[in-house]
Amino acid sequence: MKKSGASEGEPASALISKRIAELGDWRGDTLSRMRKIIKQADPDVVEEWKWMGTPVWSHDGIICTGESYKSVVKLTFAKGAALKDPAGLFNSSLDGNVRRAIDIHEGEDVDASAFKALVRQAVALNSSGKSKRSKPAKS
């Protein structure tokens, strides 16, 4: 059984837009707002539709996924553990060695400039080909 809106051959951006419209509540508004911020932070971001209906934003690798649940919109950064988060946006999946997530509940707002900084760091990390923070060069 196919998930609604998961038409084969349809562009990922259209499927993400459909998902946002299908949610039709604060979760759709939140996912839409975060999508807009991601695109502002990285105009070259590629939108993908993976794992039977998960919006994914990539640039030289996955930046983050956008999942919606009953009480939360979760943005999971694939290499979040390697990113500096001085604003403390990461509030979920903090125990892992690789991923970090931001859970957004109804009525919560995310600091757009701090979120853009995380997206830009993730892009830079992906583009560098490194999965961990760079270590000082040996002399």
Protein backbone atom coordinates (compact mmCIF):
# COMPACT_ATOMS: atom_id res chain seq x y z
CA MET A 1 0.00 0.00 0.00
CA LYS A 2 1.41 3.37 -1.06
CA LYS A 3 1.41 6.36 1.24
CA SER A 4 -0.78 9.15 -0.06
CA GLY A 5 1.10 11.52 -2.32
CA ALA A 6 3.94 9.10 -2.94
CA SER A 7 3.40 8.98 -6.69
CA GLU A 8 6.31 7.43 -8.52
CA GLY A 9 8.20 9.82 -10.75
CA GLU A 10 6.92 12.92 -8.97
CA PRO A 11 9.68 15.37 -7.96
CA ALA A 12 10.70 15.25 -4.30
CA SER A 13 9.91 18.94 -3.85
CA ALA A 14 6.32 18.29 -4.95
CA LEU A 15 6.03 15.32 -2.56
CA ILE A 16 7.32 17.44 0.32
CA SER A 17 4.83 20.19 -0.53
CA LYS A 18 2.05 17.57 -0.56
CA ARG A 19 3.14 16.24 2.83
CA ILE A 20 3.05 19.77 4.27
CA ALA A 21 -0.44 20.32 2.84
CA GLU A 22 -1.65 16.90 4.07
CA LEU A 23 -0.57 17.68 7.62
CA GLY A 24 -2.80 20.75 7.52
CA ASP A 25 -2.01 21.89 11.06
CA TRP A 26 0.82 23.38 13.10
CA ARG A 27 3.10 20.52 12.00
CA GLY A 28 2.68 21.46 8.35
CA ASP A 29 3.29 25.12 9.17
CA THR A 30 6.41 24.21 11.15
CA LEU A 31 7.81 21.90 8.47
CA SER A 32 7.12 24.57 5.84
CA ARG A 33 8.86 27.26 7.91
CA MET A 34 11.91 25.06 8.54
CA ARG A 35 12.06 24.09 4.85
CA LYS A 36 12.15 27.78 3.94
CA ILE A 37 14.97 28.45 6.42
CA ILE A 38 16.97 25.49 5.05
CA LYS A 39 16.63 26.89 1.52
CA GLN A 40 17.68 30.35 2.71
CA ALA A 41 20.74 28.90 4.44
CA ASP A 42 21.72 26.86 1.37
CA PRO A 43 20.15 27.93 -1.94
CA ASP A 44 21.81 24.88 -3.58
CA VAL A 45 20.15 22.38 -1.25
CA VAL A 46 18.66 19.30 -2.90
CA GLU A 47 15.30 18.04 -1.69
CA GLU A 48 14.84 14.27 -1.63
CA TRP A 49 12.06 11.86 -0.66
CA LYS A 50 13.43 8.76 1.04
CA TRP A 51 12.50 5.86 3.28
CA MET A 52 8.86 5.61 2.23
CA GLY A 53 8.01 9.24 2.77
CA THR A 54 10.65 11.20 4.65
CA PRO A 55 11.63 14.66 3.43
CA VAL A 56 15.43 14.92 3.19
CA TRP A 57 17.62 17.94 2.48
CA SER A 58 21.06 17.22 1.05
CA HIS A 59 24.17 18.93 -0.23
CA ASP A 60 27.14 16.62 -0.85
CA GLY A 61 25.38 14.25 1.57
CA ILE A 62 22.41 14.44 3.90
CA ILE A 63 22.05 17.65 5.89
CA CYS A 64 18.88 16.72 7.74
CA THR A 65 15.57 14.92 7.56
CA GLY A 66 12.18 16.35 8.47
CA GLU A 67 9.77 13.99 10.15
CA SER A 68 6.36 14.78 11.58
CA TYR A 69 4.79 12.93 14.47
CA LYS A 70 1.61 13.52 16.45
CA SER A 71 3.19 15.91 18.93
CA VAL A 72 6.50 16.92 17.35
CA VAL A 73 8.28 17.89 14.14
CA LYS A 74 11.74 16.33 14.27
CA LEU A 75 14.67 17.64 12.25
CA THR A 76 17.50 15.11 12.43
CA PHE A 77 20.95 16.20 11.32
CA ALA A 78 22.85 13.23 9.89
CA LYS A 79 26.20 14.41 11.30
CA GLY A 80 24.85 16.63 14.06
CA ALA A 81 27.26 15.35 16.72
CA ALA A 82 30.10 16.93 14.74
CA LEU A 83 28.43 20.37 14.61
CA LYS A 84 28.91 23.21 17.07
CA ASP A 85 25.58 24.21 18.59
CA PRO A 86 26.20 27.28 20.77
CA ALA A 87 22.49 28.19 20.75
CA GLY A 88 21.58 24.74 22.12
CA LEU A 89 19.04 23.91 19.41
CA PHE A 90 19.72 20.18 19.54
CA ASN A 91 17.35 18.74 22.14
CA SER A 92 16.91 15.12 21.01
CA SER A 93 19.05 12.11 20.05
CA LEU A 94 21.85 13.57 22.17
CA ASP A 95 23.35 10.25 23.26
CA GLY A 96 24.45 9.04 19.83
CA ASN A 97 27.87 9.45 18.30
CA VAL A 98 26.68 10.76 14.94
CA ARG A 99 23.15 12.20 14.72
CA ARG A 100 21.49 15.02 16.62
CA ALA A 101 17.91 16.20 16.34
CA ILE A 102 15.75 19.20 17.06
CA ASP A 103 12.26 18.39 18.30
CA ILE A 104 9.82 21.23 17.72
CA HIS A 105 6.53 21.12 19.63
CA GLU A 106 3.37 23.06 18.91
CA GLY A 107 3.83 26.75 19.68
CA GLU A 108 7.63 26.56 19.81
CA ASP A 109 9.79 28.72 17.63
CA VAL A 110 13.33 27.95 16.47
CA ASP A 111 16.00 30.67 16.28
CA ALA A 112 16.28 31.03 12.49
CA SER A 113 19.81 32.45 12.47
CA ALA A 114 21.12 29.69 14.78
CA PHE A 115 19.35 27.06 12.64
CA LYS A 116 20.87 28.53 9.44
CA ALA A 117 24.29 28.32 11.07
CA LEU A 118 23.74 24.59 11.76
CA VAL A 119 22.66 24.00 8.15
CA ARG A 120 25.71 25.87 6.81
CA GLN A 121 28.03 23.91 9.11
CA ALA A 122 26.47 20.65 7.94
CA VAL A 123 26.98 21.64 4.29
CA ALA A 124 30.60 22.61 4.97
CA LEU A 125 31.20 19.30 6.76
CA ASN A 126 29.64 17.31 3.91
CA SER A 127 31.61 19.27 1.32
CA SER A 128 34.88 18.69 3.18
CA GLY A 129 34.38 14.94 2.96
CA LYS A 130 35.00 14.62 6.70
CA SER A 131 32.54 13.10 9.10
CA LYS A 132 34.13 14.45 12.28
CA ARG A 133 35.43 17.82 13.38
CA SER A 134 38.75 18.50 11.72
CA LYS A 135 41.80 17.85 13.82
CA PRO A 136 44.83 20.14 13.81
CA ALA A 137 47.31 19.30 11.08
CA LYS A 138 50.47 17.49 12.09
CA SER A 139 53.70 19.35 11.40
